Amino acid sequence: MSAEIWAGLAFFVLVMAAVTVAGYVYLLRAANRGATQLPAGLSPEPSLPPGRAAFMDMFRSLGENIPAAKAEKNPYRARLALAGYRWPSAVPVFYGIKCASAMFLAGALDVFTLLYQGDLSSTLVPMICGAGVGYMLPDRVLSSRVKARGRRLRSGIPAALDLMTMGIEAGQSLDQSVADVSRGLRSTHADLSAEFAQLYFELRASSSRASALRSLATRNNEPELRKLANLLIDSDRFGTSLGPALRSHVKYLRMRFRQQAQEAARKVGVKLIFPVFFLIFPSVLLVTLGPACIMMYQQLNNLLK
C-alpha cells in the first residue's frame, strides 16, 4: 500500500478515536447532570465514574513525576481554582494531561511525517513542534474554562440576589438565606450554587462573617462576586438593612447586563463586515459576473479567430 493510503487510514483512526472519546465524555456528563455535588473546595477528590477515574489516575501518576507539580506556590494551582478544579490532585492531573497531550501530538506528527516522506531523519523537527504545541494546548483550554466559568457565575448572580432578597425580607438570617440560595440554584447555576454552599459552611465555621465573605471574593476572579461580598461586608459593618441594598444592587446589575447586551448587539453589524466582504461578496460576484465573463471570453475568442 502507498504512503497516501496509510496516511488516510491513520487520519481516520485518529478522528474516530477523538469522536469516541468526545461521545463518551458527553454521555457521562448527561448521566451525571442531575447528581448532587459538593463544592469543589470541600470535597477531597472528585467522585467520577470508573472510566473517567481510570484516566484521572493515569494522568495523576504521570504528573506526579514532574517536580513542579509538588510545589505549593505553583501558579497553576490558582488558575485551576479559578476554573473550579480545587482538589489536591488537580495540579498533578493537569501536568499529566500536558505531558500526555505533548506525547500524543509528537507521535502523531512523527507518524504522518514518516508516512509522507519515508525518511526517519526528517521526523525530528515535526516531533519537537508537536510536543511543544501539545504541551501548551492545555493552557489555552484552561484559560477558556476560566472565562466560561466566570460567565456562568456572572449570569447567575441576579437570580441569587433575588432569592437572597426574598429570604432576608421574609425574616431569615444571612446564613440561612445563603443556604437557601445554594439549594435553589443547584439545578440552574451549579457553579454559583457550589460557591454559596462553600460560603455557608465558612460562615458556620468562621468566627468572622467578614473573613468568609472576603474568602468568597478572593477565590473567584469575578468582579461581580467581589462587589457582592463588599456590599454584604459594608452592610454588616454599618448595620444597614440588607433587603433594600440587595434590591437596588440587583436592579443595577440587570440594567448593566441589559446595556452590555445592547452594546454587543450593536457591534454585530460591524463584525459582519469582514465575513460578508471576504466570504459572501466573492461568491455573489462569482455567481453574477461569472457567466458574463465566460460569454465575453467566448466572443473575444471568436473575434480573434
Protein backbone atom coordinates (compact mmCIF):
# COMPACT_ATOMS: atom_id res chain seq x y z
CA MET A 1 0.00 0.00 0.00
CA SER A 2 1.17 3.53 -0.78
CA ALA A 3 2.05 6.19 1.80
CA GLU A 4 -1.10 8.21 0.97
CA ILE A 5 -3.35 5.26 1.86
CA TRP A 6 -1.52 4.67 5.15
CA ALA A 7 -1.78 8.39 5.98
CA GLY A 8 -5.52 8.35 5.23
CA LEU A 9 -6.02 5.30 7.45
CA ALA A 10 -4.05 6.91 10.28
CA PHE A 11 -6.07 10.12 9.98
CA PHE A 12 -9.33 8.12 10.01
CA VAL A 13 -8.24 6.23 13.14
CA LEU A 14 -7.32 9.48 14.92
CA VAL A 15 -10.65 11.11 14.03
CA MET A 16 -12.61 8.05 15.16
CA ALA A 17 -10.71 7.95 18.46
CA ALA A 18 -11.37 11.66 19.09
CA VAL A 19 -15.09 11.28 18.28
CA THR A 20 -15.36 8.21 20.53
CA VAL A 21 -13.71 9.97 23.49
CA ALA A 22 -15.87 13.08 23.00
CA GLY A 23 -19.05 11.00 22.85
CA TYR A 24 -18.04 9.04 25.93
CA VAL A 25 -17.43 12.24 27.91
CA TYR A 26 -20.74 13.71 26.69
CA LEU A 27 -22.70 10.63 27.75
CA LEU A 28 -21.07 10.64 31.17
CA ARG A 29 -21.93 14.29 31.66
CA ALA A 30 -25.53 13.67 30.59
CA ALA A 31 -25.78 10.73 33.00
CA ASN A 32 -24.38 12.72 35.93
CA ARG A 33 -26.09 16.02 35.17
CA GLY A 34 -28.63 15.67 37.93
CA ALA A 35 -26.25 14.30 40.54
CA THR A 36 -25.70 16.25 43.73
CA GLN A 37 -22.15 17.55 44.00
CA LEU A 38 -20.28 19.01 46.93
CA PRO A 39 -18.39 22.25 46.42
CA ALA A 40 -15.03 21.67 44.84
CA GLY A 41 -13.21 23.26 47.73
CA LEU A 42 -14.85 20.92 50.28
CA SER A 43 -14.60 17.57 48.50
CA PRO A 44 -11.16 15.90 48.88
CA GLU A 45 -11.34 14.27 45.44
CA PRO A 46 -13.98 14.31 42.68
CA SER A 47 -16.40 11.39 42.51
CA LEU A 48 -16.10 10.16 38.94
CA PRO A 49 -17.36 7.12 37.01
CA PRO A 50 -14.90 4.23 36.69
CA GLY A 51 -13.83 5.13 33.14
CA ARG A 52 -13.00 8.75 33.89
CA ALA A 53 -11.46 7.79 37.24
CA ALA A 54 -9.05 5.45 35.43
CA PHE A 55 -7.98 8.25 33.08
CA MET A 56 -7.58 10.62 36.03
CA ASP A 57 -5.42 8.12 37.92
CA MET A 58 -3.26 7.66 34.83
CA PHE A 59 -2.78 11.42 34.40
CA ARG A 60 -2.09 11.84 38.13
CA SER A 61 0.58 9.15 38.15
CA LEU A 62 2.17 10.75 35.09
CA GLY A 63 2.08 14.28 36.52
CA GLU A 64 3.42 13.33 39.95
CA ASN A 65 6.77 12.57 38.35
CA ILE A 66 7.19 16.26 37.47
CA PRO A 67 8.83 18.24 40.32
CA ALA A 68 6.85 21.42 39.60
CA ALA A 69 3.58 19.61 40.33
CA LYS A 70 4.56 19.21 44.01
CA ALA A 71 5.34 22.88 44.62
CA GLU A 72 2.94 24.63 46.97
CA LYS A 73 3.22 28.00 45.20
CA ASN A 74 2.67 26.64 41.74
CA PRO A 75 0.87 29.30 39.61
CA TYR A 76 -1.29 26.63 38.01
CA ARG A 77 -2.95 25.96 41.36
CA ALA A 78 -4.60 29.40 41.38
CA ARG A 79 -5.62 29.12 37.73
CA LEU A 80 -7.13 25.68 38.29
CA ALA A 81 -9.00 27.04 41.31
CA LEU A 82 -10.47 29.80 39.15
CA ALA A 83 -11.66 27.15 36.70
CA GLY A 84 -13.32 25.21 39.54
CA TYR A 85 -10.69 22.47 39.99
CA ARG A 86 -9.71 22.82 43.65
CA TRP A 87 -8.85 19.26 44.55
CA PRO A 88 -5.39 18.44 45.94
CA SER A 89 -4.61 16.30 42.89
CA ALA A 90 -5.65 18.95 40.35
CA VAL A 91 -2.11 20.17 39.65
CA PRO A 92 -0.56 16.69 39.09
CA VAL A 93 -3.51 15.72 36.88
CA PHE A 94 -3.08 18.90 34.83
CA TYR A 95 0.64 18.25 34.36
CA GLY A 96 -0.17 14.69 33.36
CA ILE A 97 -2.61 15.97 30.74
CA LYS A 98 0.05 18.35 29.41
CA CYS A 99 2.60 15.53 29.11
CA ALA A 100 0.08 13.16 27.50
CA SER A 101 -1.00 15.82 25.02
CA ALA A 102 2.62 16.57 24.13
CA MET A 103 3.45 12.89 23.59
CA PHE A 104 0.27 12.31 21.54
CA LEU A 105 0.82 15.22 19.15
CA ALA A 106 4.53 14.47 18.85
CA GLY A 107 3.78 10.85 17.96
CA ALA A 108 1.01 11.81 15.52
CA LEU A 109 3.19 14.30 13.63
CA ASP A 110 6.06 11.81 13.67
CA VAL A 111 3.87 9.12 12.08
CA PHE A 112 2.46 11.48 9.44
CA THR A 113 5.92 12.76 8.50
CA LEU A 114 7.31 9.25 8.30
CA LEU A 115 4.42 8.08 6.10
CA TYR A 116 4.64 11.01 3.71
CA GLN A 117 8.41 11.34 3.38
CA GLY A 118 9.61 7.91 4.43
CA ASP A 119 12.80 9.33 5.95
CA LEU A 120 13.37 8.83 9.66
CA SER A 121 15.80 11.76 9.91
CA SER A 122 13.13 14.27 8.82
CA THR A 123 10.79 13.48 11.74
CA LEU A 124 12.78 15.31 14.44
CA VAL A 125 11.53 18.84 13.76
CA PRO A 126 7.80 17.88 13.42
CA MET A 127 8.09 15.81 16.59
CA ILE A 128 9.55 18.74 18.55
CA CYS A 129 6.89 21.12 17.17
CA GLY A 130 4.10 18.69 18.01
CA ALA A 131 5.43 18.22 21.55
CA GLY A 132 5.59 21.99 22.09
CA VAL A 133 2.08 22.60 20.74
CA GLY A 134 0.70 19.67 22.74
CA TYR A 135 2.34 20.92 25.94
CA MET A 136 0.88 24.43 25.52
CA LEU A 137 -2.57 23.35 24.31
CA PRO A 138 -3.96 22.54 27.82
CA ASP A 139 -3.05 26.08 28.91
CA ARG A 140 -5.34 27.50 26.24
CA VAL A 141 -8.11 25.11 27.23
CA LEU A 142 -7.68 26.08 30.89
CA SER A 143 -7.91 29.80 30.04
CA SER A 144 -11.13 29.18 28.12
CA ARG A 145 -12.54 27.17 31.06
CA VAL A 146 -11.72 30.03 33.45
CA LYS A 147 -13.53 32.53 31.21
CA ALA A 148 -16.51 30.21 30.75
CA ARG A 149 -16.86 29.67 34.50
CA GLY A 150 -16.68 33.43 35.06
CA ARG A 151 -19.53 33.93 32.59
CA ARG A 152 -21.59 31.23 34.30
CA LEU A 153 -21.04 32.83 37.71
CA ARG A 154 -21.93 36.27 36.36
CA SER A 155 -25.13 35.07 34.73
CA GLY A 156 -26.45 33.55 37.96
CA ILE A 157 -25.81 36.48 40.30
CA PRO A 158 -29.12 38.33 39.64
CA ALA A 159 -31.17 35.20 40.38
CA ALA A 160 -29.11 34.59 43.52
CA LEU A 161 -29.69 38.15 44.70
CA ASP A 162 -33.43 37.82 44.12
CA LEU A 163 -33.59 34.67 46.25
CA MET A 164 -31.42 36.23 48.93
CA THR A 165 -33.55 39.38 48.99
CA MET A 166 -36.77 37.38 49.40
CA GLY A 167 -35.25 35.31 52.19
CA ILE A 168 -33.90 38.28 54.12
CA GLU A 169 -37.11 40.29 53.75
CA ALA A 170 -39.04 37.23 54.98
CA GLY A 171 -37.08 37.34 58.24
CA GLN A 172 -34.28 34.85 57.60
CA SER A 173 -30.71 35.42 58.68
CA LEU A 174 -27.92 35.89 56.17
CA ASP A 175 -26.54 32.40 56.81
CA GLN A 176 -29.88 30.72 56.20
CA SER A 177 -30.60 32.80 53.10
CA VAL A 178 -27.19 31.82 51.66
CA ALA A 179 -28.04 28.13 52.26
CA ASP A 180 -31.43 28.56 50.56
CA VAL A 181 -29.79 30.29 47.60
CA SER A 182 -27.35 27.40 47.26
CA ARG A 183 -30.18 24.87 47.19
CA GLY A 184 -32.30 26.94 44.83
CA LEU A 185 -29.56 27.40 42.21
CA ARG A 186 -28.33 23.81 42.24
CA SER A 187 -30.06 22.79 39.01
CA THR A 188 -29.74 26.02 37.01
CA HIS A 189 -26.42 27.55 38.14
CA ALA A 190 -24.31 24.75 39.59
CA ASP A 191 -21.07 26.75 39.86
CA LEU A 192 -22.66 29.61 41.77
CA SER A 193 -24.56 27.12 43.92
CA ALA A 194 -21.27 25.47 44.89
CA GLU A 195 -19.76 28.85 45.77
CA PHE A 196 -22.69 29.76 48.01
CA ALA A 197 -22.58 26.31 49.63
CA GLN A 198 -18.93 26.80 50.45
CA LEU A 199 -19.71 30.29 51.73
CA TYR A 200 -22.42 28.86 54.00
CA PHE A 201 -20.03 26.32 55.53
CA GLU A 202 -17.40 29.01 56.01
CA LEU A 203 -19.97 31.28 57.67
CA ARG A 204 -20.83 28.45 60.06
CA ALA A 205 -17.20 27.58 60.77
CA SER A 206 -15.59 31.03 60.77
CA SER A 207 -15.65 33.35 63.75
CA SER A 208 -15.91 36.41 61.49
CA ARG A 209 -18.51 36.88 58.80
CA ALA A 210 -16.30 39.39 57.00
CA SER A 211 -13.47 36.86 56.58
CA ALA A 212 -15.82 34.32 54.99
CA LEU A 213 -17.14 36.94 52.58
CA ARG A 214 -13.60 38.07 51.72
CA SER A 215 -12.73 34.45 51.03
CA LEU A 216 -15.62 34.33 48.53
CA ALA A 217 -14.20 37.38 46.76
CA THR A 218 -10.57 36.21 46.70
CA ARG A 219 -11.10 32.64 45.45
CA ASN A 220 -13.03 33.88 42.40
CA ASN A 221 -11.84 36.23 39.69
CA GLU A 222 -15.33 37.59 39.06
CA PRO A 223 -15.75 41.33 39.85
CA GLU A 224 -19.48 41.00 40.50
CA LEU A 225 -18.91 38.48 43.29
CA ARG A 226 -16.32 40.84 44.75
CA LYS A 227 -18.85 43.69 44.68
CA LEU A 228 -21.47 41.48 46.32
CA ALA A 229 -19.03 40.48 49.06
CA ASN A 230 -18.10 44.13 49.68
CA LEU A 231 -21.79 45.06 49.82
CA LEU A 232 -22.51 42.39 52.43
CA ILE A 233 -19.42 43.33 54.45
CA ASP A 234 -20.32 47.04 54.46
CA SER A 235 -23.94 46.31 55.38
CA ASP A 236 -22.83 44.10 58.26
CA ARG A 237 -20.26 46.66 59.42
CA PHE A 238 -22.53 49.71 59.40
CA GLY A 239 -25.70 47.90 60.44
CA THR A 240 -27.77 48.91 57.41
CA SER A 241 -30.72 46.90 56.16
CA LEU A 242 -29.75 44.22 53.66
CA GLY A 243 -33.09 43.98 51.85
CA PRO A 244 -33.17 47.43 50.18
CA ALA A 245 -29.44 47.31 49.49
CA LEU A 246 -29.68 43.95 47.69
CA ARG A 247 -32.78 45.04 45.80
CA SER A 248 -31.10 48.19 44.47
CA HIS A 249 -27.94 46.25 43.66
CA VAL A 250 -29.76 43.60 41.62
CA LYS A 251 -31.67 46.35 39.79
CA TYR A 252 -28.37 48.00 38.92
CA LEU A 253 -26.90 44.65 37.80
CA ARG A 254 -29.80 43.87 35.48
CA MET A 255 -29.65 47.33 33.96
CA ARG A 256 -25.92 47.00 33.33
CA PHE A 257 -26.27 43.50 31.85
CA ARG A 258 -29.02 44.79 29.56
CA GLN A 259 -26.78 47.65 28.41
CA GLN A 260 -23.92 45.22 27.76
CA ALA A 261 -26.24 43.01 25.70
CA GLN A 262 -27.40 46.02 23.68
CA GLU A 263 -23.80 47.08 23.11
CA ALA A 264 -22.88 43.58 21.92
CA ALA A 265 -25.90 43.57 19.59
CA ARG A 266 -24.84 46.89 18.04
CA LYS A 267 -21.35 45.52 17.40
CA VAL A 268 -22.71 42.63 15.34
CA GLY A 269 -23.19 44.80 12.24
CA VAL A 270 -19.57 45.96 12.33
CA LYS A 271 -18.26 42.43 12.93
CA LEU A 272 -20.24 41.10 9.97
CA ILE A 273 -18.40 43.39 7.53
CA PHE A 274 -15.36 41.13 7.30
CA PRO A 275 -17.12 37.78 6.66
CA VAL A 276 -19.53 39.47 4.24
CA PHE A 277 -16.71 41.14 2.32
CA PHE A 278 -14.28 38.23 2.24
CA LEU A 279 -16.67 35.24 2.08
CA ILE A 280 -20.13 36.19 0.82
CA PHE A 281 -19.28 39.03 -1.55
CA PRO A 282 -16.80 36.98 -3.68
CA SER A 283 -19.43 34.24 -4.03
CA VAL A 284 -22.01 36.78 -5.18
CA LEU A 285 -19.55 38.20 -7.71
CA LEU A 286 -18.72 34.71 -8.97
CA VAL A 287 -22.40 33.86 -9.49
CA THR A 288 -23.39 37.17 -11.08
CA LEU A 289 -20.30 38.06 -13.12
CA GLY A 290 -19.08 34.53 -13.87
CA PRO A 291 -21.44 33.82 -16.81
CA ALA A 292 -20.88 37.30 -18.24
CA CYS A 293 -17.09 36.83 -18.13
CA ILE A 294 -17.41 33.45 -19.84
CA MET A 295 -19.57 34.93 -22.60
CA MET A 296 -17.16 37.85 -23.09
CA TYR A 297 -14.24 35.43 -23.32
CA GLN A 298 -16.05 33.34 -25.93
CA GLN A 299 -16.97 36.41 -28.02
CA LEU A 300 -13.44 37.82 -27.91
CA ASN A 301 -12.02 34.40 -28.78
CA ASN A 302 -14.31 34.21 -31.84
CA LEU A 303 -13.28 37.71 -32.95
CA LEU A 304 -9.59 36.91 -32.61
CA LYS A 305 -10.01 33.82 -34.73
